[in-house]
């Protein structure tokens, strides 16, 4: 299965195809990051949690924050400057990563990004176990609080995501350093 998945990604990258139609995107509330570069901070967090060699934070609140960053970045890569200058394959991979992450958490893949980001940030702000279970009762989490909590602590099936984030980082490196090869 992994070989087939890798071949699909390779074909997508080779074709350079981009997502057609408008991309659903979200905004981050003020104070989400202390960094003034919200896109960069969100990409850094998503990479730290889900990138190649990344480690999902141990607390479900911190994991929810990382998932919110991932959902946000998928939209930002396709709609915000300078990300829109990255090749279409990296942009499409991030949208696949968004779908994959939502599936892993039991979130409807067609849910509005703003609703997903808001719900995940609410989970990340839960001060205790009771508040955490209450925020996980949001209908956006289709598996219910207990199953979603378990998945926040042990994600399964995130195969595309690390490579998508690597492609975005490679694309940003190409933009920032004028490198125009695949192996910058």
Protein backbone atom coordinates (compact mmCIF):
# COMPACT_ATOMS: atom_id res chain seq x y z
CA UNK A 1 0.00 0.00 0.00
CA UNK A 2 2.80 2.43 0.86
CA UNK A 3 4.46 1.80 -2.51
CA UNK A 4 1.22 2.58 -4.34
CA UNK A 5 0.73 5.71 -2.23
CA UNK A 6 4.28 6.82 -3.00
CA UNK A 7 3.75 6.26 -6.72
CA UNK A 8 0.61 8.40 -6.64
CA UNK A 9 2.57 11.21 -4.95
CA UNK A 10 5.39 10.83 -7.46
CA UNK A 11 2.93 11.05 -10.36
CA UNK A 12 1.32 14.11 -8.79
CA UNK A 13 4.68 15.79 -8.31
CA UNK A 14 5.79 14.97 -11.84
CA UNK A 15 2.60 16.35 -13.34
CA UNK A 16 2.93 19.63 -11.43
CA UNK A 17 -0.84 19.74 -11.17
CA UNK A 18 -2.50 22.09 -8.77
CA UNK A 19 -5.86 22.01 -7.07
CA UNK A 20 -8.59 23.38 -9.31
CA UNK A 21 -11.16 25.77 -7.96
CA UNK A 22 -11.07 27.93 -4.86
CA UNK A 23 -9.24 26.54 -1.85
CA UNK A 24 -10.91 26.68 1.53
CA UNK A 25 -8.71 28.63 3.90
CA UNK A 26 -8.87 29.98 7.42
CA UNK A 27 -7.45 32.84 9.42
CA UNK A 28 -5.66 32.45 12.70
CA UNK A 29 -6.91 34.45 15.67
CA UNK A 30 -4.64 37.09 17.12
CA UNK A 31 -2.34 35.58 19.70
CA UNK A 32 -2.16 32.14 18.09
CA UNK A 33 1.59 32.64 17.74
CA UNK A 34 3.95 35.22 19.15
CA UNK A 35 5.77 35.33 15.81
CA UNK A 36 4.59 38.05 13.43
CA UNK A 37 4.92 35.61 10.49
CA UNK A 38 1.81 33.54 11.21
CA UNK A 39 2.24 31.42 8.09
CA UNK A 40 5.86 30.66 8.93
CA UNK A 41 5.07 29.90 12.57
CA UNK A 42 2.21 27.58 11.62
CA UNK A 43 4.37 25.80 9.04
CA UNK A 44 7.15 25.40 11.62
CA UNK A 45 4.69 23.91 14.15
CA UNK A 46 3.16 21.56 11.57
CA UNK A 47 6.62 20.44 10.49
CA UNK A 48 7.76 19.88 14.06
CA UNK A 49 4.72 17.69 14.76
CA UNK A 50 4.12 15.96 11.43
CA UNK A 51 7.15 16.49 9.20
CA UNK A 52 9.80 13.94 8.39
CA UNK A 53 11.27 13.04 11.76
CA UNK A 54 8.62 15.12 13.55
CA UNK A 55 7.08 14.24 16.87
CA UNK A 56 3.47 14.90 17.81
CA UNK A 57 3.29 16.66 21.18
CA UNK A 58 2.34 14.42 24.09
CA UNK A 59 -0.54 16.53 25.40
CA UNK A 60 -3.81 16.35 23.45
CA UNK A 61 -4.12 20.13 23.70
CA UNK A 62 -0.72 20.66 22.05
CA UNK A 63 -1.51 17.99 19.45
CA UNK A 64 -4.80 19.75 18.63
CA UNK A 65 -2.86 23.01 18.16
CA UNK A 66 -0.50 21.25 15.75
CA UNK A 67 -3.45 19.81 13.80
CA UNK A 68 -4.95 23.32 13.61
CA UNK A 69 -1.63 24.59 12.22
CA UNK A 70 -1.62 21.82 9.62
CA UNK A 71 -5.18 22.57 8.47
CA UNK A 72 -4.38 26.27 8.31
CA UNK A 73 -1.13 25.75 6.37
CA UNK A 74 -2.89 23.62 3.75
CA UNK A 75 -5.07 26.61 2.89
CA UNK A 76 -2.31 29.20 3.27
CA UNK A 77 0.03 27.36 0.91
CA UNK A 78 -2.63 27.64 -1.77
CA UNK A 79 -3.81 31.20 -1.11
CA UNK A 80 -1.17 33.35 0.68
CA UNK A 81 1.91 35.02 -0.73
CA UNK A 82 4.69 33.89 -1.05
CA UNK A 83 3.40 30.30 -0.78
CA UNK A 84 1.30 30.63 -3.93
CA UNK A 85 4.57 30.74 -5.88
CA UNK A 86 5.44 27.20 -4.77
CA UNK A 87 4.85 24.57 -7.43
CA UNK A 88 1.37 23.14 -7.75
CA UNK A 89 2.42 19.65 -6.68
CA UNK A 90 3.45 20.86 -3.21
CA UNK A 91 0.21 22.80 -2.90
CA UNK A 92 -1.85 19.75 -3.91
CA UNK A 93 0.11 17.57 -1.49
CA UNK A 94 -0.76 19.91 1.38
CA UNK A 95 -4.46 19.62 0.52
CA UNK A 96 -4.04 15.84 0.55
CA UNK A 97 -2.31 16.14 3.93
CA UNK A 98 -5.25 18.17 5.25
CA UNK A 99 -7.68 15.46 4.15
CA UNK A 100 -5.45 12.77 5.62
CA UNK A 101 -5.18 14.55 8.99
CA UNK A 102 -8.92 15.14 9.14
CA UNK A 103 -9.54 11.46 8.43
CA UNK A 104 -7.09 10.52 11.20
CA UNK A 105 -9.07 12.63 13.68
CA UNK A 106 -12.52 11.75 12.35
CA UNK A 107 -13.23 15.23 10.98
CA UNK A 108 -15.40 15.58 7.88
CA UNK A 109 -12.99 16.24 4.98
CA UNK A 110 -15.49 18.74 3.56
CA UNK A 111 -15.75 20.81 6.74
CA UNK A 112 -14.86 24.48 6.39
CA UNK A 113 -11.25 25.10 7.32
CA UNK A 114 -12.20 27.98 9.63
CA UNK A 115 -14.57 25.69 11.57
CA UNK A 116 -11.88 23.02 11.86
CA UNK A 117 -9.18 25.47 12.93
CA UNK A 118 -11.51 27.11 15.47
CA UNK A 119 -12.58 23.75 16.95
CA UNK A 120 -9.00 22.50 17.21
CA UNK A 121 -7.80 25.75 18.78
CA UNK A 122 -10.66 25.50 21.30
CA UNK A 123 -9.45 22.00 22.18
CA UNK A 124 -5.90 23.30 22.50
CA UNK A 125 -7.08 25.93 25.01
CA UNK A 126 -8.94 23.47 27.24
CA UNK A 127 -7.54 23.99 30.75
CA UNK A 128 -8.38 20.55 32.16
CA UNK A 129 -9.73 17.08 31.31
CA UNK A 130 -13.37 18.10 31.80
CA UNK A 131 -13.07 21.09 29.47
CA UNK A 132 -11.14 18.94 27.01
CA UNK A 133 -13.97 16.39 26.81
CA UNK A 134 -16.51 19.19 26.48
CA UNK A 135 -14.69 20.83 23.56
CA UNK A 136 -14.23 17.43 21.91
CA UNK A 137 -18.03 17.07 21.98
CA UNK A 138 -18.20 19.58 19.10
CA UNK A 139 -20.03 17.91 16.21
CA UNK A 140 -17.07 18.57 13.93
CA UNK A 141 -15.39 15.63 15.70
CA UNK A 142 -17.50 12.80 14.29
CA UNK A 143 -15.96 10.02 16.40
CA UNK A 144 -16.97 11.55 19.74
CA UNK A 145 -14.79 12.84 22.57
CA UNK A 146 -13.17 9.59 23.72
CA UNK A 147 -12.15 8.30 20.29
CA UNK A 148 -10.96 11.75 19.17
CA UNK A 149 -8.92 12.14 22.35
CA UNK A 150 -7.31 8.76 21.70
CA UNK A 151 -6.47 9.76 18.12
CA UNK A 152 -5.01 13.08 19.25
CA UNK A 153 -2.62 11.12 21.43
CA UNK A 154 -1.76 8.47 18.85
CA UNK A 155 -2.27 9.51 15.22
CA UNK A 156 -2.63 6.82 12.61
CA UNK A 157 -2.39 6.92 8.87
CA UNK A 158 -0.43 10.11 8.26
CA UNK A 159 1.61 8.97 5.27
CA UNK A 160 1.25 11.92 2.88
CA UNK A 161 1.64 14.64 5.48
CA UNK A 162 5.40 14.44 6.18
CA UNK A 163 6.20 14.52 2.47
CA UNK A 164 3.77 17.35 1.81
CA UNK A 165 5.40 19.49 4.48
CA UNK A 166 8.85 18.62 3.11
CA UNK A 167 7.70 19.69 -0.37
CA UNK A 168 6.50 23.03 1.00
CA UNK A 169 9.79 23.59 2.82
CA UNK A 170 11.69 22.70 -0.35
CA UNK A 171 9.51 25.12 -2.31
CA UNK A 172 10.12 27.91 0.20
CA UNK A 173 13.85 27.19 0.05
CA UNK A 174 13.74 27.50 -3.73
CA UNK A 175 11.91 30.84 -3.47
CA UNK A 176 14.23 32.19 -0.80
CA UNK A 177 17.50 31.04 -2.34
CA UNK A 178 16.76 31.05 -6.05
CA UNK A 179 17.36 27.34 -6.31
CA UNK A 180 15.43 25.84 -9.18
CA UNK A 181 16.20 22.17 -8.84
CA UNK A 182 14.30 19.49 -7.00
CA UNK A 183 17.27 18.80 -4.72
CA UNK A 184 17.99 22.15 -3.07
